Amino acid sequence: MLGQIVWARLAQGEVAWAQVALLVGVTAALGTVFALNFTIGHLRAAREQVKRLAAHQERERGARDMHDILGHTFSTMTVQLGLTRRILGSSADVALAVDQVTELENMARTALSDVRATISGYRTLSLDSELAGARMALHAAVVRAELPAATDAVRAELREVFGYFMREAVTNVLRHSDAELCTIRLGPDRVEVTDNGSSTGGACAGNGLTERLAAVSGTLEHEPAPGGGFRAIARGPYPAIYRAPSHEAEPT
């Protein structure tokens, strides 16, 4: 552009500034069009990438929720079916076996409702319901339980993730441990599940639990318990101004 102006000045003695302005305008317009096309292409690619990531995260969330719902329920049902089989095979106590089958029917209905609610996107986990579920599952497995009387001490923002932790920990006690006693203790920023079974009974690994805790700045610990057994602990961030006492477990 500058070269053309110099050439016109030297060759013709004057510059047609109107033509120069027109040329500058056309060049700027073409440059703007090319820049917009380039930007639009990048935005489309970014939008497709976001859609793929969102779909992938939704699939992971669905798989995690299905595991949380069905893993616990099926583990409890398996234990209870084994107990029912032993009852029928040894004592032929039909009434007791019918009670066990009735409990299994109720579990199946609850699991079906949870699956439907999860698919609909309206399922909200309750720490109180998970404590009640742990009580029922441990009772069905003939495991003595020492559980807190209430969940009021737990901070509101940690109640849902602690419910997931409690469900996973109790499921693993039932699935992998030969425990006779399971103890659950709750505090404002922590929940602890301890059993006296094998050293790998209550291990809580994967299945999205670590990610759930990380989302609330929490941590997961699991280790052999003093004196034998296994202990799993979920912790949340502890505000310095909050010093509410934890609920002690009571035998059930």
C-alpha atoms as a PDB file:
ATOM      1  CA  MET A   1       0.000   0.000   0.000  1.00  0.00           C
ATOM      2  CA  LEU A   2       2.749   2.454   0.965  1.00  0.00           C
ATOM      3  CA  GLY A   3       4.733   1.414  -2.119  1.00  0.00           C
ATOM      4  CA  GLN A   4       1.799   2.204  -4.398  1.00  0.00           C
ATOM      5  CA  ILE A   5       1.432   5.655  -2.855  1.00  0.00           C
ATOM      6  CA  VAL A   6       5.141   6.398  -3.352  1.00  0.00           C
ATOM      7  CA  TRP A   7       5.016   5.078  -6.928  1.00  0.00           C
ATOM      8  CA  ALA A   8       1.959   7.214  -7.775  1.00  0.00           C
ATOM      9  CA  ARG A   9       3.653  10.271  -6.258  1.00  0.00           C
ATOM     10  CA  LEU A  10       6.840   9.772  -8.245  1.00  0.00           C
ATOM     11  CA  ALA A  11       5.246   8.685 -11.533  1.00  0.00           C
ATOM     12  CA  GLN A  12       2.251  10.998 -11.684  1.00  0.00           C
ATOM     13  CA  GLY A  13       3.241  13.798  -9.339  1.00  0.00           C
ATOM     14  CA  GLU A  14       0.089  13.387  -7.265  1.00  0.00           C
ATOM     15  CA  VAL A  15      -1.825  10.737  -5.291  1.00  0.00           C
ATOM     16  CA  ALA A  16      -5.510   9.926  -5.782  1.00  0.00           C
ATOM     17  CA  TRP A  17      -6.376   9.863  -2.137  1.00  0.00           C
ATOM     18  CA  ALA A  18      -9.984   8.840  -2.764  1.00  0.00           C
ATOM     19  CA  GLN A  19      -8.815   5.663  -4.468  1.00  0.00           C
ATOM     20  CA  VAL A  20      -6.323   5.058  -1.695  1.00  0.00           C
ATOM     21  CA  ALA A  21      -9.098   5.399   0.900  1.00  0.00           C
ATOM     22  CA  LEU A  22     -11.309   3.026  -1.078  1.00  0.00           C
ATOM     23  CA  LEU A  23      -8.492   0.477  -1.326  1.00  0.00           C
ATOM     24  CA  VAL A  24      -7.799   0.753   2.383  1.00  0.00           C
ATOM     25  CA  GLY A  25     -11.494   0.250   3.173  1.00  0.00           C
ATOM     26  CA  VAL A  26     -11.794  -2.808   0.929  1.00  0.00           C
ATOM     27  CA  THR A  27      -8.626  -4.334   2.397  1.00  0.00           C
ATOM     28  CA  ALA A  28      -9.847  -3.748   5.968  1.00  0.00           C
ATOM     29  CA  ALA A  29     -13.253  -5.230   5.142  1.00  0.00           C
ATOM     30  CA  LEU A  30     -11.699  -8.345   3.594  1.00  0.00           C
ATOM     31  CA  GLY A  31      -9.363  -8.729   6.576  1.00  0.00           C
ATOM     32  CA  THR A  32     -12.302  -8.429   8.960  1.00  0.00           C
ATOM     33  CA  VAL A  33     -14.278 -11.066   7.038  1.00  0.00           C
ATOM     34  CA  PHE A  34     -11.356 -13.498   7.085  1.00  0.00           C
ATOM     35  CA  ALA A  35     -10.800 -12.867  10.817  1.00  0.00           C
ATOM     36  CA  LEU A  36     -14.479 -13.453  11.573  1.00  0.00           C
ATOM     37  CA  ASN A  37     -14.509 -16.682   9.576  1.00  0.00           C
ATOM     38  CA  PHE A  38     -11.416 -17.868  11.450  1.00  0.00           C
ATOM     39  CA  THR A  39     -12.972 -16.985  14.819  1.00  0.00           C
ATOM     40  CA  ILE A  40     -16.290 -18.619  13.945  1.00  0.00           C
ATOM     41  CA  GLY A  41     -14.483 -21.813  12.979  1.00  0.00           C
ATOM     42  CA  HIS A  42     -12.677 -21.903  16.310  1.00  0.00           C
ATOM     43  CA  LEU A  43     -15.897 -21.185  18.217  1.00  0.00           C
ATOM     44  CA  ARG A  44     -17.683 -24.038  16.426  1.00  0.00           C
ATOM     45  CA  ALA A  45     -14.844 -26.417  17.249  1.00  0.00           C
ATOM     46  CA  ALA A  46     -14.851 -25.271  20.885  1.00  0.00           C
ATOM     47  CA  ARG A  47     -18.630 -25.716  21.097  1.00  0.00           C
ATOM     48  CA  GLU A  48     -18.387 -29.266  19.757  1.00  0.00           C
ATOM     49  CA  GLN A  49     -15.643 -30.028  22.260  1.00  0.00           C
ATOM     50  CA  VAL A  50     -17.776 -28.679  25.116  1.00  0.00           C
ATOM     51  CA  LYS A  51     -20.722 -30.810  23.960  1.00  0.00           C
ATOM     52  CA  ARG A  52     -18.533 -33.924  23.862  1.00  0.00           C
ATOM     53  CA  LEU A  53     -17.136 -33.215  27.325  1.00  0.00           C
ATOM     54  CA  ALA A  54     -20.607 -32.537  28.727  1.00  0.00           C
ATOM     55  CA  ALA A  55     -21.920 -35.806  27.284  1.00  0.00           C
ATOM     56  CA  HIS A  56     -18.928 -37.701  28.681  1.00  0.00           C
ATOM     57  CA  GLN A  57     -19.381 -36.164  32.139  1.00  0.00           C
ATOM     58  CA  GLU A  58     -23.093 -36.965  32.085  1.00  0.00           C
ATOM     59  CA  ARG A  59     -22.347 -40.593  31.225  1.00  0.00           C
ATOM     60  CA  GLU A  60     -19.836 -40.756  34.078  1.00  0.00           C
ATOM     61  CA  ARG A  61     -22.349 -39.199  36.462  1.00  0.00           C
ATOM     62  CA  GLY A  62     -25.028 -41.677  35.415  1.00  0.00           C
ATOM     63  CA  ALA A  63     -22.686 -44.643  35.823  1.00  0.00           C
ATOM     64  CA  ARG A  64     -21.555 -43.380  39.223  1.00  0.00           C
ATOM     65  CA  ASP A  65     -25.122 -42.878  40.421  1.00  0.00           C
ATOM     66  CA  MET A  66     -26.172 -46.320  39.169  1.00  0.00           C
ATOM     67  CA  HIS A  67     -23.265 -47.861  41.066  1.00  0.00           C
ATOM     68  CA  ASP A  68     -24.145 -45.931  44.213  1.00  0.00           C
ATOM     69  CA  ILE A  69     -27.761 -47.082  44.031  1.00  0.00           C
ATOM     70  CA  LEU A  70     -27.502 -50.656  42.806  1.00  0.00           C
ATOM     71  CA  GLY A  71     -24.167 -51.708  44.305  1.00  0.00           C
ATOM     72  CA  HIS A  72     -25.362 -51.178  47.869  1.00  0.00           C
ATOM     73  CA  THR A  73     -28.823 -52.646  47.258  1.00  0.00           C
ATOM     74  CA  PHE A  74     -27.586 -55.753  45.444  1.00  0.00           C
ATOM     75  CA  SER A  75     -24.929 -56.419  48.076  1.00  0.00           C
ATOM     76  CA  THR A  76     -27.557 -56.276  50.820  1.00  0.00           C
ATOM     77  CA  MET A  77     -29.968 -58.425  48.821  1.00  0.00           C
ATOM     78  CA  THR A  78     -27.245 -61.020  48.173  1.00  0.00           C
ATOM     79  CA  VAL A  79     -26.499 -61.298  51.884  1.00  0.00           C
ATOM     80  CA  GLN A  80     -30.182 -61.545  52.735  1.00  0.00           C
ATOM     81  CA  LEU A  81     -30.811 -64.179  50.056  1.00  0.00           C
ATOM     82  CA  GLY A  82     -27.995 -66.246  51.526  1.00  0.00           C
ATOM     83  CA  LEU A  83     -29.555 -65.927  54.970  1.00  0.00           C
ATOM     84  CA  THR A  84     -32.963 -66.949  53.592  1.00  0.00           C
ATOM     85  CA  ARG A  85     -31.427 -69.990  51.891  1.00  0.00           C
ATOM     86  CA  ARG A  86     -29.770 -71.055  55.156  1.00  0.00           C
ATOM     87  CA  ILE A  87     -33.041 -70.614  57.034  1.00  0.00           C
ATOM     88  CA  LEU A  88     -34.939 -72.795  54.578  1.00  0.00           C
ATOM     89  CA  GLY A  89     -32.139 -75.350  54.388  1.00  0.00           C
ATOM     90  CA  SER A  90     -31.585 -75.791  58.113  1.00  0.00           C
ATOM     91  CA  SER A  91     -34.656 -74.917  60.146  1.00  0.00           C
ATOM     92  CA  ALA A  92     -37.419 -74.732  57.541  1.00  0.00           C
ATOM     93  CA  ASP A  93     -38.811 -71.747  59.460  1.00  0.00           C
ATOM     94  CA  VAL A  94     -41.194 -70.609  56.753  1.00  0.00           C
ATOM     95  CA  ALA A  95     -42.439 -67.563  58.667  1.00  0.00           C
ATOM     96  CA  LEU A  96     -38.919 -66.188  59.136  1.00  0.00           C
ATOM     97  CA  ALA A  97     -38.096 -66.903  55.501  1.00  0.00           C
ATOM     98  CA  VAL A  98     -41.237 -65.048  54.414  1.00  0.00           C
ATOM     99  CA  ASP A  99     -40.134 -62.041  56.486  1.00  0.00           C
ATOM    100  CA  GLN A 100     -36.758 -62.086  54.746  1.00  0.00           C
ATOM    101  CA  VAL A 101     -38.380 -62.335  51.303  1.00  0.00           C
ATOM    102  CA  THR A 102     -40.696 -59.433  52.189  1.00  0.00           C
ATOM    103  CA  GLU A 103     -37.691 -57.294  53.090  1.00  0.00           C
ATOM    104  CA  LEU A 104     -36.076 -58.282  49.779  1.00  0.00           C
ATOM    105  CA  GLU A 105     -39.225 -57.231  47.933  1.00  0.00           C
ATOM    106  CA  ASN A 106     -39.173 -53.839  49.653  1.00  0.00           C
ATOM    107  CA  MET A 107     -35.486 -53.382  48.798  1.00  0.00           C
ATOM    108  CA  ALA A 108     -36.171 -54.176  45.145  1.00  0.00           C
ATOM    109  CA  ARG A 109     -38.999 -51.644  45.033  1.00  0.00           C
ATOM    110  CA  THR A 110     -36.843 -48.975  46.661  1.00  0.00           C
ATOM    111  CA  ALA A 111     -34.003 -49.640  44.231  1.00  0.00           C
ATOM    112  CA  LEU A 112     -36.399 -49.393  41.285  1.00  0.00           C
ATOM    113  CA  SER A 113     -37.741 -46.061  42.560  1.00  0.00           C
ATOM    114  CA  ASP A 114     -34.189 -44.749  43.025  1.00  0.00           C
ATOM    115  CA  VAL A 115     -33.218 -45.776  39.502  1.00  0.00           C
ATOM    116  CA  ARG A 116     -36.264 -44.060  38.043  1.00  0.00           C
ATOM    117  CA  ALA A 117     -35.603 -40.911  40.072  1.00  0.00           C
ATOM    118  CA  THR A 118     -31.945 -40.875  39.033  1.00  0.00           C
ATOM    119  CA  ILE A 119     -32.815 -41.236  35.352  1.00  0.00           C
ATOM    120  CA  SER A 120     -35.295 -38.383  35.738  1.00  0.00           C
ATOM    121  CA  GLY A 121     -32.599 -36.266  37.382  1.00  0.00           C
ATOM    122  CA  TYR A 122     -34.559 -35.600  40.557  1.00  0.00           C
ATOM    123  CA  ARG A 123     -32.903 -37.936  43.035  1.00  0.00           C
ATOM    124  CA  THR A 124     -31.400 -36.283  46.127  1.00  0.00           C
ATOM    125  CA  LEU A 125     -29.553 -38.456  48.599  1.00  0.00           C
ATOM    126  CA  SER A 126     -30.400 -38.041  52.284  1.00  0.00           C
ATOM    127  CA  LEU A 127     -27.911 -38.759  55.052  1.00  0.00           C
ATOM    128  CA  ASP A 128     -30.776 -39.794  57.344  1.00  0.00           C
ATOM    129  CA  SER A 129     -32.074 -42.313  54.797  1.00  0.00           C
ATOM    130  CA  GLU A 130     -28.573 -43.689  54.253  1.00  0.00           C
ATOM    131  CA  LEU A 131     -28.162 -44.160  58.014  1.00  0.00           C
ATOM    132  CA  ALA A 132     -31.475 -46.028  58.113  1.00  0.00           C
ATOM    133  CA  GLY A 133     -30.396 -48.084  55.099  1.00  0.00           C
ATOM    134  CA  ALA A 134     -27.095 -48.955  56.772  1.00  0.00           C
ATOM    135  CA  ARG A 135     -28.970 -50.075  59.875  1.00  0.00           C
ATOM    136  CA  MET A 136     -31.243 -52.346  57.806  1.00  0.00           C
ATOM    137  CA  ALA A 137     -28.400 -53.745  55.681  1.00  0.00           C
ATOM    138  CA  LEU A 138     -26.205 -54.579  58.662  1.00  0.00           C
ATOM    139  CA  HIS A 139     -29.148 -56.159  60.472  1.00  0.00           C
ATOM    140  CA  ALA A 140     -29.917 -58.298  57.398  1.00  0.00           C
ATOM    141  CA  ALA A 141     -26.301 -59.438  57.291  1.00  0.00           C
ATOM    142  CA  VAL A 142     -26.381 -60.286  61.029  1.00  0.00           C
ATOM    143  CA  VAL A 143     -23.669 -57.709  61.720  1.00  0.00           C
ATOM    144  CA  ARG A 144     -23.955 -55.902  65.046  1.00  0.00           C
ATOM    145  CA  ALA A 145     -24.179 -52.164  64.426  1.00  0.00           C
ATOM    146  CA  GLU A 146     -23.229 -49.206  66.604  1.00  0.00           C
ATOM    147  CA  LEU A 147     -24.786 -46.219  64.866  1.00  0.00           C
ATOM    148  CA  PRO A 148     -25.449 -42.589  65.808  1.00  0.00           C
ATOM    149  CA  ALA A 149     -28.945 -41.747  66.956  1.00  0.00           C
ATOM    150  CA  ALA A 150     -29.178 -38.685  64.656  1.00  0.00           C
ATOM    151  CA  THR A 151     -27.288 -36.857  61.914  1.00  0.00           C
ATOM    152  CA  ASP A 152     -27.931 -33.305  63.147  1.00  0.00           C
ATOM    153  CA  ALA A 153     -24.268 -32.648  63.967  1.00  0.00           C
ATOM    154  CA  VAL A 154     -23.178 -32.913  60.315  1.00  0.00           C
ATOM    155  CA  ARG A 155     -22.881 -29.612  58.465  1.00  0.00           C
ATOM    156  CA  ALA A 156     -25.522 -29.120  55.776  1.00  0.00           C
ATOM    157  CA  GLU A 157     -23.082 -28.790  52.858  1.00  0.00           C
ATOM    158  CA  LEU A 158     -21.464 -32.153  53.728  1.00  0.00           C
ATOM    159  CA  ARG A 159     -24.564 -34.242  54.357  1.00  0.00           C
ATOM    160  CA  GLU A 160     -25.050 -35.483  50.779  1.00  0.00           C
ATOM    161  CA  VAL A 161     -21.443 -36.477  50.116  1.00  0.00           C
ATOM    162  CA  PHE A 162     -21.204 -38.110  53.558  1.00  0.00           C
ATOM    163  CA  GLY A 163     -24.318 -40.098  52.653  1.00  0.00           C
ATOM    164  CA  TYR A 164     -22.546 -41.420  49.547  1.00  0.00           C
ATOM    165  CA  PHE A 165     -19.504 -42.267  51.649  1.00  0.00           C
ATOM    166  CA  MET A 166     -21.574 -44.092  54.263  1.00  0.00           C
ATOM    167  CA  ARG A 167     -23.358 -46.131  51.589  1.00  0.00           C
ATOM    168  CA  GLU A 168     -20.074 -47.087  49.891  1.00  0.00           C
ATOM    169  CA  ALA A 169     -18.320 -47.957  53.154  1.00  0.00           C
ATOM    170  CA  VAL A 170     -21.162 -50.128  54.481  1.00  0.00           C
ATOM    171  CA  THR A 171     -21.494 -51.834  51.087  1.00  0.00           C
ATOM    172  CA  ASN A 172     -17.808 -52.745  51.187  1.00  0.00           C
ATOM    173  CA  VAL A 173     -18.119 -54.052  54.738  1.00  0.00           C
ATOM    174  CA  LEU A 174     -20.903 -56.370  53.555  1.00  0.00           C
ATOM    175  CA  ARG A 175     -19.156 -57.335  50.330  1.00  0.00           C
ATOM    176  CA  HIS A 176     -15.550 -57.821  51.405  1.00  0.00           C
ATOM    177  CA  SER A 177     -15.505 -58.235  55.167  1.00  0.00           C
ATOM    178  CA  ASP A 178     -16.324 -61.014  57.610  1.00  0.00           C
ATOM    179  CA  ALA A 179     -17.052 -58.426  60.283  1.00  0.00           C
ATOM    180  CA  GLU A 180     -19.275 -59.068  63.290  1.00  0.00           C
ATOM    181  CA  LEU A 181     -19.388 -55.423  64.342  1.00  0.00           C
ATOM    182  CA  CYS A 182     -19.642 -52.194  62.345  1.00  0.00           C
ATOM    183  CA  THR A 183     -19.431 -48.775  63.995  1.00  0.00           C
ATOM    184  CA  ILE A 184     -20.386 -45.461  62.397  1.00  0.00           C
ATOM    185  CA  ARG A 185     -19.531 -42.136  64.025  1.00  0.00           C
ATOM    186  CA  LEU A 186     -20.557 -38.705  62.776  1.00  0.00           C
ATOM    187  CA  GLY A 187     -19.178 -35.249  63.440  1.00  0.00           C
ATOM    188  CA  PRO A 188     -19.606 -31.778  61.959  1.00  0.00           C
ATOM    189  CA  ASP A 189     -16.859 -32.372  59.395  1.00  0.00           C
ATOM    190  CA  ARG A 190     -16.267 -36.123  59.414  1.00  0.00           C
ATOM    191  CA  VAL A 191     -17.856 -39.557  59.219  1.00  0.00           C
ATOM    192  CA  GLU A 192     -16.032 -42.706  60.281  1.00  0.00           C
ATOM    193  CA  VAL A 193     -16.975 -46.312  59.476  1.00  0.00           C
ATOM    194  CA  THR A 194     -15.070 -49.012  61.357  1.00  0.00           C
ATOM    195  CA  ASP A 195     -15.470 -52.784  61.288  1.00  0.00           C
ATOM    196  CA  ASN A 196     -13.730 -55.634  63.109  1.00  0.00           C
ATOM    197  CA  GLY A 197     -13.455 -57.881  60.074  1.00  0.00           C
ATOM    198  CA  SER A 198     -10.643 -58.436  57.609  1.00  0.00           C
ATOM    199  CA  SER A 199      -8.095 -55.676  57.001  1.00  0.00           C
ATOM    200  CA  THR A 200      -9.614 -54.839  53.600  1.00  0.00           C
ATOM    201  CA  GLY A 201     -13.268 -54.803  54.593  1.00  0.00           C
ATOM    202  CA  GLY A 202     -14.325 -51.183  54.392  1.00  0.00           C
ATOM    203  CA  ALA A 203     -11.959 -49.856  51.770  1.00  0.00           C
ATOM    204  CA  CYS A 204     -13.600 -47.051  49.804  1.00  0.00           C
ATOM    205  CA  ALA A 205     -11.816 -46.469  46.513  1.00  0.00           C
ATOM    206  CA  GLY A 206     -12.886 -45.042  43.196  1.00  0.00           C
ATOM    207  CA  ASN A 207     -16.454 -45.000  41.862  1.00  0.00           C
ATOM    208  CA  GLY A 208     -16.504 -41.223  42.038  1.00  0.00           C
ATOM    209  CA  LEU A 209     -16.301 -40.965  45.835  1.00  0.00           C
ATOM    210  CA  THR A 210     -12.935 -39.206  45.810  1.00  0.00           C
ATOM    211  CA  GLU A 211     -14.238 -36.762  43.209  1.00  0.00           C
ATOM    212  CA  ARG A 212     -17.371 -36.071  45.250  1.00  0.00           C
ATOM    213  CA  LEU A 213     -15.290 -35.306  48.321  1.00  0.00           C
ATOM    214  CA  ALA A 214     -12.865 -33.152  46.349  1.00  0.00           C
ATOM    215  CA  ALA A 215     -15.822 -31.085  45.111  1.00  0.00           C
ATOM    216  CA  VAL A 216     -16.452 -29.993  48.735  1.00  0.00           C
ATOM    217  CA  SER A 217     -12.708 -29.752  49.567  1.00  0.00           C
ATOM    218  CA  GLY A 218     -12.926 -33.024  51.491  1.00  0.00           C
ATOM    219  CA  THR A 219     -10.558 -35.984  51.816  1.00  0.00           C
ATOM    220  CA  LEU A 220     -10.847 -39.761  52.074  1.00  0.00           C
ATOM    221  CA  GLU A 221      -8.769 -41.963  54.373  1.00  0.00           C
ATOM    222  CA  HIS A 222      -8.802 -45.724  54.855  1.00  0.00           C
ATOM    223  CA  GLU A 223      -6.484 -47.833  56.981  1.00  0.00           C
ATOM    224  CA  PRO A 224      -6.373 -50.870  59.278  1.00  0.00           C
ATOM    225  CA  ALA A 225      -8.089 -50.090  62.560  1.00  0.00           C
ATOM    226  CA  PRO A 226      -6.200 -50.320  65.853  1.00  0.00           C
ATOM    227  CA  GLY A 227      -6.753 -53.763  67.313  1.00  0.00           C
ATOM    228  CA  GLY A 228      -7.849 -55.272  63.997  1.00  0.00           C
ATOM    229  CA  GLY A 229     -10.426 -54.600  61.364  1.00  0.00           C
ATOM    230  CA  PHE A 230     -10.639 -51.653  59.028  1.00  0.00           C
ATOM    231  CA  ARG A 231     -11.464 -47.962  59.303  1.00  0.00           C
ATOM    232  CA  ALA A 232     -12.565 -45.525  56.586  1.00  0.00           C
ATOM    233  CA  ILE A 233     -12.927 -41.800  57.253  1.00  0.00           C
ATOM    234  CA  ALA A 234     -14.326 -38.998  55.121  1.00  0.00           C
ATOM    235  CA  ARG A 235     -13.410 -35.471  56.175  1.00  0.00           C
ATOM    236  CA  GLY A 236     -14.607 -32.074  55.064  1.00  0.00           C
ATOM    237  CA  PRO A 237     -13.073 -28.638  55.599  1.00  0.00           C
ATOM    238  CA  TYR A 238     -13.498 -27.627  59.241  1.00  0.00           C
ATOM    239  CA  PRO A 239     -14.435 -23.985  59.919  1.00  0.00           C
ATOM    240  CA  ALA A 240     -12.623 -22.591  62.951  1.00  0.00           C
ATOM    241  CA  ILE A 241     -15.758 -20.929  64.324  1.00  0.00           C
ATOM    242  CA  TYR A 242     -17.749 -24.179  64.499  1.00  0.00           C
ATOM    243  CA  ARG A 243     -17.194 -26.474  67.442  1.00  0.00           C
ATOM    244  CA  ALA A 244     -20.338 -28.611  67.689  1.00  0.00           C
ATOM    245  CA  PRO A 245     -19.828 -31.950  69.496  1.00  0.00           C
ATOM    246  CA  SER A 246     -20.169 -35.168  67.517  1.00  0.00           C
ATOM    247  CA  HIS A 247     -22.915 -37.715  68.150  1.00  0.00           C
ATOM    248  CA  GLU A 248     -21.666 -40.843  69.824  1.00  0.00           C
ATOM    249  CA  ALA A 249     -22.650 -44.173  68.325  1.00  0.00           C
ATOM    250  CA  GLU A 250     -25.103 -46.309  70.209  1.00  0.00           C
ATOM    251  CA  PRO A 251     -25.422 -50.087  69.841  1.00  0.00           C
ATOM    252  CA  THR A 252     -28.367 -51.414  67.843  1.00  0.00           C
END
